[in-house]
């Protein structure tokens, strides 16, 4: 009997850890036209488009993006983690209260068109 209870508790703990590990992260792909623009996240260079961005910030957090490419005007924008509901975090929130801080996520893809310099 104790073995069954231990197995059940271990299973519940494992599910909780997986929900915490995967329910908190949000991923989006930053695309641009033309491709190959340098991507800056919160003023730090991170790569070029297409760029896969991931974070574990809480609901409503802002991330500043800047895209730069030679011959084009720099493009600045903000993405906010409130664009779509994260079903995994909602389910996890039924079992673990802090997960509710991550129930929203980014859209899967963001596309920005750079304007040529005059």
N, C-alpha and C. Protein backbone atom coordinates (compact mmCIF):
# COMPACT_ATOMS: atom_id res chain seq x y z
N UNK A 1 0.82 -1.20 0.00
CA UNK A 1 0.00 0.00 0.00
C UNK A 1 0.87 1.26 0.00
N UNK A 2 1.91 1.28 0.86
CA UNK A 2 2.79 2.45 0.92
C UNK A 2 3.54 2.63 -0.39
N UNK A 3 3.87 1.51 -1.04
CA UNK A 3 4.57 1.60 -2.32
C UNK A 3 3.70 2.27 -3.38
N UNK A 4 2.42 1.95 -3.40
CA UNK A 4 1.50 2.55 -4.37
C UNK A 4 1.38 4.05 -4.11
N UNK A 5 1.27 4.44 -2.86
CA UNK A 5 1.17 5.86 -2.51
C UNK A 5 2.44 6.58 -2.92
N UNK A 6 3.60 5.96 -2.67
CA UNK A 6 4.88 6.56 -3.05
C UNK A 6 4.96 6.74 -4.56
N UNK A 7 4.53 5.72 -5.32
CA UNK A 7 4.55 5.82 -6.78
C UNK A 7 3.63 6.93 -7.28
N UNK A 8 2.46 7.04 -6.69
CA UNK A 8 1.51 8.09 -7.09
C UNK A 8 2.09 9.46 -6.78
N UNK A 9 2.65 9.62 -5.59
CA UNK A 9 3.24 10.91 -5.22
C UNK A 9 4.43 11.24 -6.11
N UNK A 10 5.24 10.24 -6.44
CA UNK A 10 6.37 10.46 -7.34
C UNK A 10 5.88 10.89 -8.72
N UNK A 11 4.81 10.26 -9.20
CA UNK A 11 4.23 10.63 -10.49
C UNK A 11 3.71 12.06 -10.49
N UNK A 12 3.01 12.43 -9.44
CA UNK A 12 2.48 13.79 -9.33
C UNK A 12 3.62 14.80 -9.27
N UNK A 13 4.66 14.50 -8.51
CA UNK A 13 5.82 15.39 -8.42
C UNK A 13 6.51 15.54 -9.77
N UNK A 14 6.65 14.43 -10.48
CA UNK A 14 7.28 14.46 -11.81
C UNK A 14 6.47 15.32 -12.77
N UNK A 15 5.16 15.16 -12.78
CA UNK A 15 4.30 15.98 -13.64
C UNK A 15 4.42 17.45 -13.27
N UNK A 16 4.43 17.73 -11.97
CA UNK A 16 4.59 19.11 -11.52
C UNK A 16 5.88 19.74 -11.98
N UNK A 17 6.97 18.99 -11.90
CA UNK A 17 8.28 19.50 -12.34
C UNK A 17 8.27 19.75 -13.84
N UNK A 18 7.69 18.84 -14.61
CA UNK A 18 7.62 19.03 -16.07
C UNK A 18 6.78 20.25 -16.44
N UNK A 19 5.67 20.43 -15.75
CA UNK A 19 4.83 21.60 -16.02
C UNK A 19 5.60 22.87 -15.70
N UNK A 20 6.30 22.89 -14.58
CA UNK A 20 7.09 24.07 -14.23
C UNK A 20 8.19 24.32 -15.25
N UNK A 21 8.85 23.26 -15.69
CA UNK A 21 9.96 23.41 -16.61
C UNK A 21 9.51 23.89 -17.98
N UNK A 22 8.41 23.34 -18.47
CA UNK A 22 7.99 23.66 -19.83
C UNK A 22 6.88 24.69 -19.89
N UNK A 23 6.13 24.87 -18.84
CA UNK A 23 5.02 25.79 -18.84
C UNK A 23 5.43 27.24 -18.71
N UNK A 24 6.65 27.50 -18.26
CA UNK A 24 7.09 28.87 -18.01
C UNK A 24 7.70 29.54 -19.24
N UNK A 25 8.28 28.78 -20.13
CA UNK A 25 8.97 29.36 -21.28
C UNK A 25 8.00 29.70 -22.40
N UNK A 26 8.29 30.78 -23.10
CA UNK A 26 7.53 31.17 -24.29
C UNK A 26 8.53 31.42 -25.41
N UNK A 27 8.19 30.95 -26.60
CA UNK A 27 9.09 31.04 -27.75
C UNK A 27 8.39 31.75 -28.90
N UNK A 28 9.13 32.61 -29.60
CA UNK A 28 8.62 33.25 -30.80
C UNK A 28 9.77 33.36 -31.80
N UNK A 29 9.43 33.36 -33.07
CA UNK A 29 10.44 33.53 -34.12
C UNK A 29 10.32 34.96 -34.65
N UNK A 30 11.43 35.67 -34.66
CA UNK A 30 11.48 37.03 -35.17
C UNK A 30 11.95 36.96 -36.62
N UNK A 31 11.08 37.37 -37.54
CA UNK A 31 11.39 37.39 -38.97
C UNK A 31 11.41 38.82 -39.47
N UNK A 32 12.15 39.05 -40.54
CA UNK A 32 12.17 40.38 -41.15
C UNK A 32 12.24 40.26 -42.66
N UNK A 33 11.83 41.32 -43.30
CA UNK A 33 12.01 41.45 -44.74
C UNK A 33 12.81 42.72 -44.96
N UNK A 34 14.01 42.61 -45.46
CA UNK A 34 14.72 41.40 -45.87
C UNK A 34 15.26 40.62 -44.66
N UNK A 35 15.53 39.34 -44.90
CA UNK A 35 16.12 38.50 -43.86
C UNK A 35 17.55 38.95 -43.58
N UNK A 36 18.09 38.48 -42.48
CA UNK A 36 19.48 38.77 -42.16
C UNK A 36 19.69 40.04 -41.37
N UNK A 37 18.61 40.63 -40.85
CA UNK A 37 18.75 41.83 -40.03
C UNK A 37 19.33 41.44 -38.68
N UNK A 38 20.19 42.28 -38.14
CA UNK A 38 20.73 42.04 -36.80
C UNK A 38 19.61 42.25 -35.78
N UNK A 39 19.52 41.34 -34.81
CA UNK A 39 18.49 41.41 -33.77
C UNK A 39 19.14 41.81 -32.45
N UNK A 40 18.56 42.83 -31.83
CA UNK A 40 19.00 43.26 -30.50
C UNK A 40 17.82 43.08 -29.56
N UNK A 41 18.03 42.39 -28.45
CA UNK A 41 17.01 42.20 -27.43
C UNK A 41 17.45 42.98 -26.21
N UNK A 42 16.63 43.94 -25.80
CA UNK A 42 16.98 44.82 -24.68
C UNK A 42 18.39 45.40 -24.87
N UNK A 43 18.65 45.87 -26.10
CA UNK A 43 19.91 46.51 -26.51
C UNK A 43 21.13 45.58 -26.52
N UNK A 44 20.92 44.28 -26.45
CA UNK A 44 22.02 43.31 -26.52
C UNK A 44 21.93 42.56 -27.85
N UNK A 45 23.03 42.49 -28.62
CA UNK A 45 22.99 41.74 -29.88
C UNK A 45 22.82 40.24 -29.59
N UNK A 46 21.87 39.62 -30.30
CA UNK A 46 21.60 38.21 -30.04
C UNK A 46 21.66 37.33 -31.29
N UNK A 47 21.65 37.92 -32.48
CA UNK A 47 21.69 37.13 -33.69
C UNK A 47 21.10 37.88 -34.87
N UNK A 48 20.71 37.13 -35.89
CA UNK A 48 20.12 37.71 -37.10
C UNK A 48 18.81 37.00 -37.41
N UNK A 49 17.95 37.71 -38.17
CA UNK A 49 16.67 37.11 -38.54
C UNK A 49 16.87 36.07 -39.64
N UNK A 50 16.09 35.01 -39.62
CA UNK A 50 15.10 34.65 -38.62
C UNK A 50 15.79 34.23 -37.32
N UNK A 51 15.25 34.71 -36.20
CA UNK A 51 15.84 34.47 -34.89
C UNK A 51 14.78 33.91 -33.95
N UNK A 52 15.09 32.83 -33.26
CA UNK A 52 14.17 32.22 -32.31
C UNK A 52 14.46 32.79 -30.93
N UNK A 53 13.47 33.49 -30.37
CA UNK A 53 13.61 34.11 -29.06
C UNK A 53 12.78 33.34 -28.04
N UNK A 54 13.36 33.09 -26.88
CA UNK A 54 12.67 32.39 -25.80
C UNK A 54 12.99 33.06 -24.48
N UNK A 55 12.00 33.12 -23.60
CA UNK A 55 12.25 33.62 -22.25
C UNK A 55 11.26 33.01 -21.27
N UNK A 56 11.47 33.27 -20.00
CA UNK A 56 10.59 32.77 -18.95
C UNK A 56 10.01 33.93 -18.15
N UNK A 57 9.89 35.09 -18.78
CA UNK A 57 9.33 36.25 -18.10
C UNK A 57 7.86 36.00 -17.75
N UNK A 58 7.34 36.76 -16.77
CA UNK A 58 5.96 36.58 -16.36
C UNK A 58 5.01 37.38 -17.25
N UNK A 59 3.71 37.12 -17.09
CA UNK A 59 2.66 37.79 -17.85
C UNK A 59 2.83 39.31 -17.81
N UNK A 60 2.70 39.94 -18.99
CA UNK A 60 2.77 41.40 -19.08
C UNK A 60 4.17 41.96 -19.19
N UNK A 61 5.20 41.11 -19.13
CA UNK A 61 6.57 41.60 -19.25
C UNK A 61 6.85 42.08 -20.67
N UNK A 62 7.62 43.15 -20.77
CA UNK A 62 7.97 43.73 -22.08
C UNK A 62 9.40 43.37 -22.45
N UNK A 63 9.60 43.17 -23.75
CA UNK A 63 10.94 42.93 -24.29
C UNK A 63 11.13 43.88 -25.46
N UNK A 64 12.19 44.66 -25.41
CA UNK A 64 12.47 45.63 -26.47
C UNK A 64 13.30 44.97 -27.56
N UNK A 65 12.84 45.11 -28.79
CA UNK A 65 13.54 44.56 -29.95
C UNK A 65 13.98 45.68 -30.87
N UNK A 66 15.17 45.52 -31.42
CA UNK A 66 15.65 46.44 -32.45
C UNK A 66 16.22 45.58 -33.57
N UNK A 67 15.85 45.91 -34.80
CA UNK A 67 16.37 45.22 -35.98
C UNK A 67 17.15 46.23 -36.80
N UNK A 68 18.33 45.82 -37.24
CA UNK A 68 19.17 46.70 -38.06
C UNK A 68 19.75 45.92 -39.23
N UNK A 69 19.74 46.58 -40.39
CA UNK A 69 20.38 46.00 -41.57
C UNK A 69 20.92 47.15 -42.41
N UNK A 70 22.10 46.95 -42.93
CA UNK A 70 22.73 47.99 -43.74
C UNK A 70 21.83 48.35 -44.92
N UNK A 71 21.63 49.67 -45.13
CA UNK A 71 20.79 50.15 -46.21
C UNK A 71 19.33 50.31 -45.82
N UNK A 72 18.99 49.98 -44.56
CA UNK A 72 17.61 50.07 -44.09
C UNK A 72 17.55 50.86 -42.78
N UNK A 73 16.41 51.47 -42.54
CA UNK A 73 16.23 52.21 -41.30
C UNK A 73 16.13 51.23 -40.13
N UNK A 74 16.75 51.55 -39.00
CA UNK A 74 16.59 50.69 -37.83
C UNK A 74 15.11 50.60 -37.45
N UNK A 75 14.70 49.44 -37.01
CA UNK A 75 13.31 49.22 -36.62
C UNK A 75 13.27 48.84 -35.15
N UNK A 76 12.45 49.55 -34.38
CA UNK A 76 12.32 49.28 -32.95
C UNK A 76 10.88 48.93 -32.63
N UNK A 77 10.70 47.95 -31.74
CA UNK A 77 9.37 47.56 -31.31
C UNK A 77 9.46 46.91 -29.93
N UNK A 78 8.32 46.64 -29.39
CA UNK A 78 8.23 45.98 -28.09
C UNK A 78 7.30 44.79 -28.25
N UNK A 79 7.71 43.63 -27.74
CA UNK A 79 6.78 42.52 -27.66
C UNK A 79 6.45 42.34 -26.18
N UNK A 80 5.20 42.05 -25.91
CA UNK A 80 4.73 41.91 -24.54
C UNK A 80 4.18 40.50 -24.37
N UNK A 81 4.54 39.89 -23.27
CA UNK A 81 4.09 38.51 -23.04
C UNK A 81 2.63 38.51 -22.57
N UNK A 82 1.75 38.78 -23.50
CA UNK A 82 0.31 38.74 -23.24
C UNK A 82 -0.45 38.53 -24.54
N UNK A 83 0.20 37.93 -25.53
CA UNK A 83 -0.38 37.85 -26.87
C UNK A 83 -1.29 36.64 -27.08
N UNK A 84 -1.01 35.53 -26.41
CA UNK A 84 -1.81 34.32 -26.56
C UNK A 84 -1.84 33.56 -25.24
N UNK A 85 -2.89 32.78 -25.02
CA UNK A 85 -3.00 31.96 -23.81
C UNK A 85 -2.15 30.70 -23.99
N UNK A 86 -1.42 30.34 -22.95
CA UNK A 86 -0.61 29.13 -22.94
C UNK A 86 -1.40 28.04 -22.21
N UNK A 87 -1.99 27.12 -22.97
CA UNK A 87 -2.86 26.10 -22.39
C UNK A 87 -2.12 25.24 -21.37
N UNK A 88 -0.85 24.93 -21.63
CA UNK A 88 -0.08 24.12 -20.69
C UNK A 88 0.05 24.79 -19.33
N UNK A 89 0.26 26.09 -19.34
CA UNK A 89 0.39 26.82 -18.08
C UNK A 89 -0.95 26.93 -17.36
N UNK A 90 -2.04 27.00 -18.12
CA UNK A 90 -3.36 27.04 -17.49
C UNK A 90 -3.62 25.73 -16.76
N UNK A 91 -3.33 24.62 -17.43
CA UNK A 91 -3.51 23.31 -16.79
C UNK A 91 -2.58 23.18 -15.59
N UNK A 92 -1.34 23.59 -15.75
CA UNK A 92 -0.39 23.55 -14.63
C UNK A 92 -0.84 24.42 -13.48
N UNK A 93 -1.48 25.53 -13.79
CA UNK A 93 -1.96 26.45 -12.77
C UNK A 93 -3.04 25.85 -11.90
N UNK A 94 -3.69 24.80 -12.41
CA UNK A 94 -4.69 24.11 -11.59
C UNK A 94 -4.03 23.38 -10.43
N UNK A 95 -2.75 23.02 -10.60
CA UNK A 95 -2.04 22.25 -9.58
C UNK A 95 -1.02 23.09 -8.81
N UNK A 96 -0.44 24.07 -9.47
CA UNK A 96 0.62 24.87 -8.85
C UNK A 96 0.29 26.34 -9.08
N UNK A 97 0.00 27.07 -8.01
CA UNK A 97 -0.46 28.46 -8.12
C UNK A 97 0.50 29.38 -8.89
N UNK A 98 1.82 29.39 -8.62
CA UNK A 98 2.67 30.37 -9.32
C UNK A 98 2.66 30.25 -10.84
N UNK A 99 2.27 29.09 -11.36
CA UNK A 99 2.23 28.92 -12.82
C UNK A 99 1.32 29.96 -13.47
N UNK A 100 0.34 30.48 -12.76
CA UNK A 100 -0.57 31.47 -13.33
C UNK A 100 0.19 32.71 -13.79
N UNK A 101 1.39 32.91 -13.29
CA UNK A 101 2.18 34.05 -13.73
C UNK A 101 2.68 33.89 -15.16
N UNK A 102 2.54 32.68 -15.73
CA UNK A 102 3.03 32.39 -17.08
C UNK A 102 1.93 31.89 -18.01
N UNK A 103 0.67 32.22 -17.75
CA UNK A 103 -0.42 31.69 -18.57
C UNK A 103 -0.51 32.35 -19.95
N UNK A 104 0.18 33.43 -20.15
CA UNK A 104 0.18 34.08 -21.45
C UNK A 104 1.55 33.89 -22.11
N UNK A 105 1.55 33.86 -23.43
CA UNK A 105 2.80 33.67 -24.15
C UNK A 105 2.83 34.60 -25.36
N UNK A 106 3.96 34.55 -26.10
CA UNK A 106 4.09 35.33 -27.32
C UNK A 106 3.41 34.60 -28.47
N UNK A 107 3.06 35.35 -29.51
CA UNK A 107 2.61 34.72 -30.75
C UNK A 107 3.78 33.87 -31.25
N UNK A 108 3.49 32.80 -32.00
CA UNK A 108 4.59 31.94 -32.46
C UNK A 108 5.57 32.64 -33.40
N UNK A 109 5.07 33.62 -34.18
CA UNK A 109 5.92 34.29 -35.16
C UNK A 109 5.62 35.79 -35.15
N UNK A 110 6.69 36.59 -35.23
CA UNK A 110 6.57 38.04 -35.42
C UNK A 110 7.28 38.38 -36.72
N UNK A 111 6.64 39.19 -37.56
CA UNK A 111 7.23 39.56 -38.85
C UNK A 111 7.29 41.09 -38.94
N UNK A 112 8.47 41.59 -39.29
CA UNK A 112 8.65 43.03 -39.42
C UNK A 112 9.29 43.35 -40.76
N UNK A 113 8.77 44.40 -41.42
CA UNK A 113 9.32 44.81 -42.70
C UNK A 113 10.16 46.07 -42.48
N UNK A 114 11.41 46.00 -42.90
CA UNK A 114 12.33 47.12 -42.74
C UNK A 114 12.17 48.09 -43.91
N UNK A 115 12.21 49.37 -43.61
CA UNK A 115 12.09 50.40 -44.65
C UNK A 115 13.47 50.80 -45.16
N UNK A 116 13.64 50.87 -46.48
CA UNK A 116 14.94 51.28 -47.03
C UNK A 116 15.25 52.73 -46.63
N UNK A 117 16.54 53.02 -46.54
CA UNK A 117 16.96 54.40 -46.28
C UNK A 117 16.60 55.26 -47.47
N UNK A 118 16.29 56.51 -47.23
CA UNK A 118 15.95 57.43 -48.33
C UNK A 118 17.12 57.71 -49.22
